[in-house]
Amino acid sequence: MKVQGSHFLITGSNRGIGQAVAFEAARRGATLHLVNRTLSPEVKSKCLELGAKDVVEYQLDLAERKNIERFLTDHAHLPID
């Protein structure tokens, strides 16, 4: 799979597996769309430092379905690969 130049939507990127995926995708030159309950400027900065083409953060509580549905409707235009 080609990562460089691709757009990834990653949930839970402020810790654990989500963070590891974000950092690896950043190292490979992806554009990252990070979805977390709490924004994490430190993770965004680290991803850019590692080589992400761009990083956009979205604050979203995935515990409620209506939040997910609204996010998907509002961001249907995102060029996620």
PDB file of N, CA and C in Angstrom:
ATOM      1  N   MET A   1       0.840  -1.191   0.000  1.00  0.00           N
ATOM      2  CA  MET A   1       0.000   0.000   0.000  1.00  0.00           C
ATOM      3  C   MET A   1       0.881   1.249   0.000  1.00  0.00           C
ATOM      4  N   LYS A   2       0.566   2.166  -0.865  1.00  0.00           N
ATOM      5  CA  LYS A   2       1.291   3.432  -0.945  1.00  0.00           C
ATOM      6  C   LYS A   2       0.814   4.344   0.187  1.00  0.00           C
ATOM      7  N   VAL A   3       1.727   4.768   1.023  1.00  0.00           N
ATOM      8  CA  VAL A   3       1.380   5.631   2.153  1.00  0.00           C
ATOM      9  C   VAL A   3       1.702   7.086   1.832  1.00  0.00           C
ATOM     10  N   GLN A   4       2.861   7.331   1.241  1.00  0.00           N
ATOM     11  CA  GLN A   4       3.269   8.703   0.953  1.00  0.00           C
ATOM     12  C   GLN A   4       2.237   9.380   0.070  1.00  0.00           C
ATOM     13  N   GLY A   5       1.763  10.541   0.526  1.00  0.00           N
ATOM     14  CA  GLY A   5       0.773  11.299  -0.213  1.00  0.00           C
ATOM     15  C   GLY A   5      -0.663  10.854   0.005  1.00  0.00           C
ATOM     16  N   SER A   6      -0.871   9.738   0.706  1.00  0.00           N
ATOM     17  CA  SER A   6      -2.230   9.257   0.993  1.00  0.00           C
ATOM     18  C   SER A   6      -2.807  10.004   2.189  1.00  0.00           C
ATOM     19  N   HIS A   7      -4.120   9.969   2.303  1.00  0.00           N
ATOM     20  CA  HIS A   7      -4.818  10.594   3.422  1.00  0.00           C
ATOM     21  C   HIS A   7      -5.358   9.494   4.330  1.00  0.00           C
ATOM     22  N   PHE A   8      -5.021   9.580   5.615  1.00  0.00           N
ATOM     23  CA  PHE A   8      -5.468   8.599   6.604  1.00  0.00           C
ATOM     24  C   PHE A   8      -6.324   9.272   7.663  1.00  0.00           C
ATOM     25  N   LEU A   9      -7.427   8.642   8.028  1.00  0.00           N
ATOM     26  CA  LEU A   9      -8.238   9.057   9.159  1.00  0.00           C
ATOM     27  C   LEU A   9      -7.940   8.062  10.282  1.00  0.00           C
ATOM     28  N   ILE A  10      -7.421   8.572  11.394  1.00  0.00           N
ATOM     29  CA  ILE A  10      -7.000   7.714  12.499  1.00  0.00           C
ATOM     30  C   ILE A  10      -7.719   8.161  13.761  1.00  0.00           C
ATOM     31  N   THR A  11      -8.383   7.224  14.416  1.00  0.00           N
ATOM     32  CA  THR A  11      -9.046   7.525  15.681  1.00  0.00           C
ATOM     33  C   THR A  11      -8.141   7.094  16.838  1.00  0.00           C
ATOM     34  N   GLY A  12      -8.303   7.768  17.974  1.00  0.00           N
ATOM     35  CA  GLY A  12      -7.521   7.410  19.152  1.00  0.00           C
ATOM     36  C   GLY A  12      -6.032   7.631  18.981  1.00  0.00           C
ATOM     37  N   SER A  13      -5.668   8.656  18.247  1.00  0.00           N
ATOM     38  CA  SER A  13      -4.249   8.871  17.923  1.00  0.00           C
ATOM     39  C   SER A  13      -3.465   9.549  19.035  1.00  0.00           C
ATOM     40  N   ASN A  14      -4.118   9.877  20.131  1.00  0.00           N
ATOM     41  CA  ASN A  14      -3.395  10.540  21.204  1.00  0.00           C
ATOM     42  C   ASN A  14      -2.741   9.558  22.188  1.00  0.00           C
ATOM     43  N   ARG A  15      -2.912   8.229  21.937  1.00  0.00           N
ATOM     44  CA  ARG A  15      -2.215   7.235  22.768  1.00  0.00           C
ATOM     45  C   ARG A  15      -2.358   5.840  22.153  1.00  0.00           C
ATOM     46  N   GLY A  16      -1.576   4.930  22.659  1.00  0.00           N
ATOM     47  CA  GLY A  16      -1.691   3.520  22.292  1.00  0.00           C
ATOM     48  C   GLY A  16      -1.482   3.219  20.823  1.00  0.00           C
ATOM     49  N   ILE A  17      -2.271   2.251  20.342  1.00  0.00           N
ATOM     50  CA  ILE A  17      -2.145   1.788  18.959  1.00  0.00           C
ATOM     51  C   ILE A  17      -2.423   2.909  17.960  1.00  0.00           C
ATOM     52  N   GLY A  18      -3.427   3.722  18.233  1.00  0.00           N
ATOM     53  CA  GLY A  18      -3.746   4.831  17.329  1.00  0.00           C
ATOM     54  C   GLY A  18      -2.574   5.788  17.174  1.00  0.00           C
ATOM     55  N   GLN A  19      -1.888   6.059  18.268  1.00  0.00           N
ATOM     56  CA  GLN A  19      -0.725   6.947  18.218  1.00  0.00           C
ATOM     57  C   GLN A  19       0.414   6.300  17.422  1.00  0.00           C
ATOM     58  N   ALA A  20       0.637   5.014  17.641  1.00  0.00           N
ATOM     59  CA  ALA A  20       1.684   4.301  16.913  1.00  0.00           C
ATOM     60  C   ALA A  20       1.392   4.321  15.407  1.00  0.00           C
ATOM     61  N   VAL A  21       0.144   4.122  15.026  1.00  0.00           N
ATOM     62  CA  VAL A  21      -0.240   4.159  13.610  1.00  0.00           C
ATOM     63  C   VAL A  21      -0.023   5.564  13.044  1.00  0.00           C
ATOM     64  N   ALA A  22      -0.418   6.576  13.802  1.00  0.00           N
ATOM     65  CA  ALA A  22      -0.239   7.960  13.348  1.00  0.00           C
ATOM     66  C   ALA A  22       1.240   8.272  13.133  1.00  0.00           C
ATOM     67  N   PHE A  23       2.085   7.881  14.063  1.00  0.00           N
ATOM     68  CA  PHE A  23       3.515   8.163  13.945  1.00  0.00           C
ATOM     69  C   PHE A  23       4.126   7.433  12.748  1.00  0.00           C
ATOM     70  N   GLU A  24       3.739   6.195  12.531  1.00  0.00           N
ATOM     71  CA  GLU A  24       4.289   5.437  11.398  1.00  0.00           C
ATOM     72  C   GLU A  24       3.816   6.024  10.067  1.00  0.00           C
ATOM     73  N   ALA A  25       2.547   6.376   9.985  1.00  0.00           N
ATOM     74  CA  ALA A  25       2.026   6.991   8.757  1.00  0.00           C
ATOM     75  C   ALA A  25       2.715   8.337   8.511  1.00  0.00           C
ATOM     76  N   ALA A  26       2.978   9.072   9.581  1.00  0.00           N
ATOM     77  CA  ALA A  26       3.690  10.350   9.465  1.00  0.00           C
ATOM     78  C   ALA A  26       5.093  10.125   8.912  1.00  0.00           C
ATOM     79  N   ARG A  27       5.792   9.136   9.447  1.00  0.00           N
ATOM     80  CA  ARG A  27       7.151   8.819   8.962  1.00  0.00           C
ATOM     81  C   ARG A  27       7.154   8.510   7.462  1.00  0.00           C
ATOM     82  N   ARG A  28       6.060   7.974   6.988  1.00  0.00           N
ATOM     83  CA  ARG A  28       5.970   7.582   5.575  1.00  0.00           C
ATOM     84  C   ARG A  28       5.376   8.682   4.689  1.00  0.00           C
ATOM     85  N   GLY A  29       5.135   9.877   5.260  1.00  0.00           N
ATOM     86  CA  GLY A  29       4.722  11.024   4.462  1.00  0.00           C
ATOM     87  C   GLY A  29       3.244  11.151   4.158  1.00  0.00           C
ATOM     88  N   ALA A  30       2.404  10.569   4.979  1.00  0.00           N
ATOM     89  CA  ALA A  30       0.954  10.661   4.759  1.00  0.00           C
ATOM     90  C   ALA A  30       0.406  11.995   5.263  1.00  0.00           C
ATOM     91  N   THR A  31      -0.773  12.341   4.779  1.00  0.00           N
ATOM     92  CA  THR A  31      -1.568  13.417   5.353  1.00  0.00           C
ATOM     93  C   THR A  31      -2.489  12.758   6.368  1.00  0.00           C
ATOM     94  N   LEU A  32      -2.503  13.298   7.587  1.00  0.00           N
ATOM     95  CA  LEU A  32      -3.245  12.663   8.673  1.00  0.00           C
ATOM     96  C   LEU A  32      -4.452  13.483   9.093  1.00  0.00           C
ATOM     97  N   HIS A  33      -5.548  12.795   9.295  1.00  0.00           N
ATOM     98  CA  HIS A  33      -6.773  13.364   9.867  1.00  0.00           C
ATOM     99  C   HIS A  33      -6.965  12.624  11.187  1.00  0.00           C
ATOM    100  N   LEU A  34      -6.665  13.301  12.293  1.00  0.00           N
ATOM    101  CA  LEU A  34      -6.669  12.668  13.609  1.00  0.00           C
ATOM    102  C   LEU A  34      -7.959  12.992  14.345  1.00  0.00           C
ATOM    103  N   VAL A  35      -8.680  11.956  14.743  1.00  0.00           N
ATOM    104  CA  VAL A  35      -9.960  12.108  15.426  1.00  0.00           C
ATOM    105  C   VAL A  35      -9.800  11.611  16.857  1.00  0.00           C
ATOM    106  N   ASN A  36      -9.988  12.525  17.824  1.00  0.00           N
ATOM    107  CA  ASN A  36      -9.828  12.191  19.242  1.00  0.00           C
ATOM    108  C   ASN A  36     -10.879  12.892  20.084  1.00  0.00           C
ATOM    109  N   ARG A  37     -11.132  12.323  21.243  1.00  0.00           N
ATOM    110  CA  ARG A  37     -12.042  12.959  22.194  1.00  0.00           C
ATOM    111  C   ARG A  37     -11.450  14.280  22.677  1.00  0.00           C
ATOM    112  N   THR A  38     -10.129  14.288  22.859  1.00  0.00           N
ATOM    113  CA  THR A  38      -9.418  15.478  23.311  1.00  0.00           C
ATOM    114  C   THR A  38      -8.325  15.807  22.299  1.00  0.00           C
ATOM    115  N   LEU A  39      -8.247  17.059  21.876  1.00  0.00           N
ATOM    116  CA  LEU A  39      -7.210  17.452  20.929  1.00  0.00           C
ATOM    117  C   LEU A  39      -5.838  17.287  21.565  1.00  0.00           C
ATOM    118  N   SER A  40      -4.850  16.969  20.750  1.00  0.00           N
ATOM    119  CA  SER A  40      -3.500  16.728  21.247  1.00  0.00           C
ATOM    120  C   SER A  40      -2.482  17.459  20.377  1.00  0.00           C
ATOM    121  N   PRO A  41      -2.211  18.720  20.703  1.00  0.00           N
ATOM    122  CA  PRO A  41      -1.238  19.477  19.919  1.00  0.00           C
ATOM    123  C   PRO A  41       0.147  18.826  19.906  1.00  0.00           C
ATOM    124  N   GLU A  42       0.483  18.095  20.973  1.00  0.00           N
ATOM    125  CA  GLU A  42       1.793  17.433  21.032  1.00  0.00           C
ATOM    126  C   GLU A  42       1.897  16.338  19.968  1.00  0.00           C
ATOM    127  N   VAL A  43       0.831  15.550  19.806  1.00  0.00           N
ATOM    128  CA  VAL A  43       0.837  14.486  18.799  1.00  0.00           C
ATOM    129  C   VAL A  43       0.879  15.102  17.402  1.00  0.00           C
ATOM    130  N   LYS A  44       0.110  16.155  17.186  1.00  0.00           N
ATOM    131  CA  LYS A  44       0.119  16.827  15.885  1.00  0.00           C
ATOM    132  C   LYS A  44       1.527  17.326  15.565  1.00  0.00           C
ATOM    133  N   SER A  45       2.179  17.981  16.517  1.00  0.00           N
ATOM    134  CA  SER A  45       3.528  18.494  16.310  1.00  0.00           C
ATOM    135  C   SER A  45       4.518  17.372  16.009  1.00  0.00           C
ATOM    136  N   LYS A  46       4.406  16.276  16.762  1.00  0.00           N
ATOM    137  CA  LYS A  46       5.306  15.137  16.567  1.00  0.00           C
ATOM    138  C   LYS A  46       5.120  14.541  15.167  1.00  0.00           C
ATOM    139  N   CYS A  47       3.868  14.416  14.729  1.00  0.00           N
ATOM    140  CA  CYS A  47       3.594  13.863  13.393  1.00  0.00           C
ATOM    141  C   CYS A  47       4.206  14.742  12.305  1.00  0.00           C
ATOM    142  N   LEU A  48       4.082  16.043  12.458  1.00  0.00           N
ATOM    143  CA  LEU A  48       4.682  16.948  11.477  1.00  0.00           C
ATOM    144  C   LEU A  48       6.202  16.838  11.508  1.00  0.00           C
ATOM    145  N   GLU A  49       6.759  16.729  12.694  1.00  0.00           N
ATOM    146  CA  GLU A  49       8.205  16.573  12.859  1.00  0.00           C
ATOM    147  C   GLU A  49       8.702  15.273  12.209  1.00  0.00           C
ATOM    148  N   LEU A  50       7.884  14.221  12.295  1.00  0.00           N
ATOM    149  CA  LEU A  50       8.258  12.923  11.720  1.00  0.00           C
ATOM    150  C   LEU A  50       8.149  12.882  10.197  1.00  0.00           C
ATOM    151  N   GLY A  51       7.454  13.873   9.614  1.00  0.00           N
ATOM    152  CA  GLY A  51       7.379  13.924   8.162  1.00  0.00           C
ATOM    153  C   GLY A  51       6.003  13.882   7.542  1.00  0.00           C
ATOM    154  N   ALA A  52       4.946  13.982   8.362  1.00  0.00           N
ATOM    155  CA  ALA A  52       3.592  14.024   7.797  1.00  0.00           C
ATOM    156  C   ALA A  52       3.478  15.213   6.846  1.00  0.00           C
ATOM    157  N   LYS A  53       2.800  14.995   5.744  1.00  0.00           N
ATOM    158  CA  LYS A  53       2.598  16.074   4.775  1.00  0.00           C
ATOM    159  C   LYS A  53       1.734  17.177   5.382  1.00  0.00           C
ATOM    160  N   ASP A  54       0.711  16.777   6.111  1.00  0.00           N
ATOM    161  CA  ASP A  54      -0.164  17.711   6.824  1.00  0.00           C
ATOM    162  C   ASP A  54      -0.887  16.919   7.908  1.00  0.00           C
ATOM    163  N   VAL A  55      -1.336  17.626   8.947  1.00  0.00           N
ATOM    164  CA  VAL A  55      -2.083  16.992  10.032  1.00  0.00           C
ATOM    165  C   VAL A  55      -3.262  17.883  10.383  1.00  0.00           C
ATOM    166  N   VAL A  56      -4.451  17.308  10.363  1.00  0.00           N
ATOM    167  CA  VAL A  56      -5.665  18.020  10.749  1.00  0.00           C
ATOM    168  C   VAL A  56      -6.281  17.259  11.912  1.00  0.00           C
ATOM    169  N   GLU A  57      -6.604  17.980  12.980  1.00  0.00           N
ATOM    170  CA  GLU A  57      -7.209  17.339  14.159  1.00  0.00           C
ATOM    171  C   GLU A  57      -8.705  17.647  14.222  1.00  0.00           C
ATOM    172  N   TYR A  58      -9.454  16.656  14.678  1.00  0.00           N
ATOM    173  CA  TYR A  58     -10.895  16.805  14.884  1.00  0.00           C
ATOM    174  C   TYR A  58     -11.209  16.312  16.288  1.00  0.00           C
ATOM    175  N   GLN A  59     -11.977  17.097  17.013  1.00  0.00           N
ATOM    176  CA  GLN A  59     -12.396  16.685  18.349  1.00  0.00           C
ATOM    177  C   GLN A  59     -13.770  16.032  18.242  1.00  0.00           C
ATOM    178  N   LEU A  60     -13.850  14.772  18.680  1.00  0.00           N
ATOM    179  CA  LEU A  60     -15.079  14.010  18.527  1.00  0.00           C
ATOM    180  C   LEU A  60     -15.147  12.903  19.569  1.00  0.00           C
ATOM    181  N   ASP A  61     -16.275  12.810  20.229  1.00  0.00           N
ATOM    182  CA  ASP A  61     -16.512  11.713  21.172  1.00  0.00           C
ATOM    183  C   ASP A  61     -17.205  10.588  20.401  1.00  0.00           C
ATOM    184  N   LEU A  62     -16.468   9.511  20.178  1.00  0.00           N
ATOM    185  CA  LEU A  62     -16.993   8.386  19.397  1.00  0.00           C
ATOM    186  C   LEU A  62     -17.936   7.490  20.192  1.00  0.00           C
ATOM    187  N   ALA A  63     -18.168   7.817  21.444  1.00  0.00           N
ATOM    188  CA  ALA A  63     -19.036   6.982  22.280  1.00  0.00           C
ATOM    189  C   ALA A  63     -20.509   7.106  21.875  1.00  0.00           C
ATOM    190  N   GLU A  64     -20.845   8.184  21.173  1.00  0.00           N
ATOM    191  CA  GLU A  64     -22.248   8.383  20.779  1.00  0.00           C
ATOM    192  C   GLU A  64     -22.384   8.347  19.263  1.00  0.00           C
ATOM    193  N   ARG A  65     -23.267   7.488  18.822  1.00  0.00           N
ATOM    194  CA  ARG A  65     -23.480   7.273  17.384  1.00  0.00           C
ATOM    195  C   ARG A  65     -23.852   8.564  16.650  1.00  0.00           C
ATOM    196  N   LYS A  66     -24.662   9.409  17.265  1.00  0.00           N
ATOM    197  CA  LYS A  66     -25.081  10.646  16.599  1.00  0.00           C
ATOM    198  C   LYS A  66     -23.884  11.541  16.289  1.00  0.00           C
ATOM    199  N   ASN A  67     -22.869  11.516  17.140  1.00  0.00           N
ATOM    200  CA  ASN A  67     -21.655  12.294  16.886  1.00  0.00           C
ATOM    201  C   ASN A  67     -20.923  11.764  15.652  1.00  0.00           C
ATOM    202  N   ILE A  68     -20.853  10.452  15.539  1.00  0.00           N
ATOM    203  CA  ILE A  68     -20.185   9.830  14.400  1.00  0.00           C
ATOM    204  C   ILE A  68     -20.929  10.143  13.109  1.00  0.00           C
ATOM    205  N   GLU A  69     -22.235   9.998  13.143  1.00  0.00           N
ATOM    206  CA  GLU A  69     -23.056  10.273  11.957  1.00  0.00           C
ATOM    207  C   GLU A  69     -22.915  11.727  11.517  1.00  0.00           C
ATOM    208  N   ARG A  70     -22.920  12.643  12.472  1.00  0.00           N
ATOM    209  CA  ARG A  70     -22.774  14.071  12.150  1.00  0.00           C
ATOM    210  C   ARG A  70     -21.386  14.340  11.555  1.00  0.00           C
ATOM    211  N   PHE A  71     -20.362  13.736  12.150  1.00  0.00           N
ATOM    212  CA  PHE A  71     -18.996  13.910  11.634  1.00  0.00           C
ATOM    213  C   PHE A  71     -18.902  13.414  10.190  1.00  0.00           C
ATOM    214  N   LEU A  72     -19.434  12.231   9.934  1.00  0.00           N
ATOM    215  CA  LEU A  72     -19.367  11.665   8.587  1.00  0.00           C
ATOM    216  C   LEU A  72     -20.116  12.520   7.574  1.00  0.00           C
ATOM    217  N   THR A  73     -21.247  13.067   7.977  1.00  0.00           N
ATOM    218  CA  THR A  73     -22.017  13.946   7.096  1.00  0.00           C
ATOM    219  C   THR A  73     -21.256  15.239   6.833  1.00  0.00           C
ATOM    220  N   ASP A  74     -20.726  15.837   7.902  1.00  0.00           N
ATOM    221  CA  ASP A  74     -20.029  17.118   7.780  1.00  0.00           C
ATOM    222  C   ASP A  74     -18.692  17.006   7.048  1.00  0.00           C
ATOM    223  N   HIS A  75     -18.099  15.819   7.060  1.00  0.00           N
ATOM    224  CA  HIS A  75     -16.768  15.660   6.483  1.00  0.00           C
ATOM    225  C   HIS A  75     -16.726  14.640   5.337  1.00  0.00           C
ATOM    226  N   ALA A  76     -17.842  14.458   4.690  1.00  0.00           N
ATOM    227  CA  ALA A  76     -17.913  13.499   3.576  1.00  0.00           C
ATOM    228  C   ALA A  76     -16.974  13.887   2.437  1.00  0.00           C
ATOM    229  N   HIS A  77     -16.581  15.126   2.377  1.00  0.00           N
ATOM    230  CA  HIS A  77     -15.695  15.620   1.317  1.00  0.00           C
ATOM    231  C   HIS A  77     -14.220  15.273   1.523  1.00  0.00           C
ATOM    232  N   LEU A  78     -13.857  14.763   2.699  1.00  0.00           N
ATOM    233  CA  LEU A  78     -12.444  14.478   2.968  1.00  0.00           C
ATOM    234  C   LEU A  78     -11.919  13.428   1.989  1.00  0.00           C
ATOM    235  N   PRO A  79     -10.725  13.658   1.467  1.00  0.00           N
ATOM    236  CA  PRO A  79     -10.154  12.722   0.491  1.00  0.00           C
ATOM    237  C   PRO A  79      -9.429  11.551   1.171  1.00  0.00           C
ATOM    238  N   ILE A  80     -10.126  10.794   1.978  1.00  0.00           N
ATOM    239  CA  ILE A  80      -9.523   9.670   2.705  1.00  0.00           C
ATOM    240  C   ILE A  80      -9.280   8.518   1.727  1.00  0.00           C
ATOM    241  N   ASP A  81      -8.069   7.978   1.762  1.00  0.00           N
ATOM    242  CA  ASP A  81      -7.708   6.891   0.844  1.00  0.00           C
ATOM    243  C   ASP A  81      -8.074   5.568   1.379  1.00  0.00           C
TER     244      ASP A  81
END
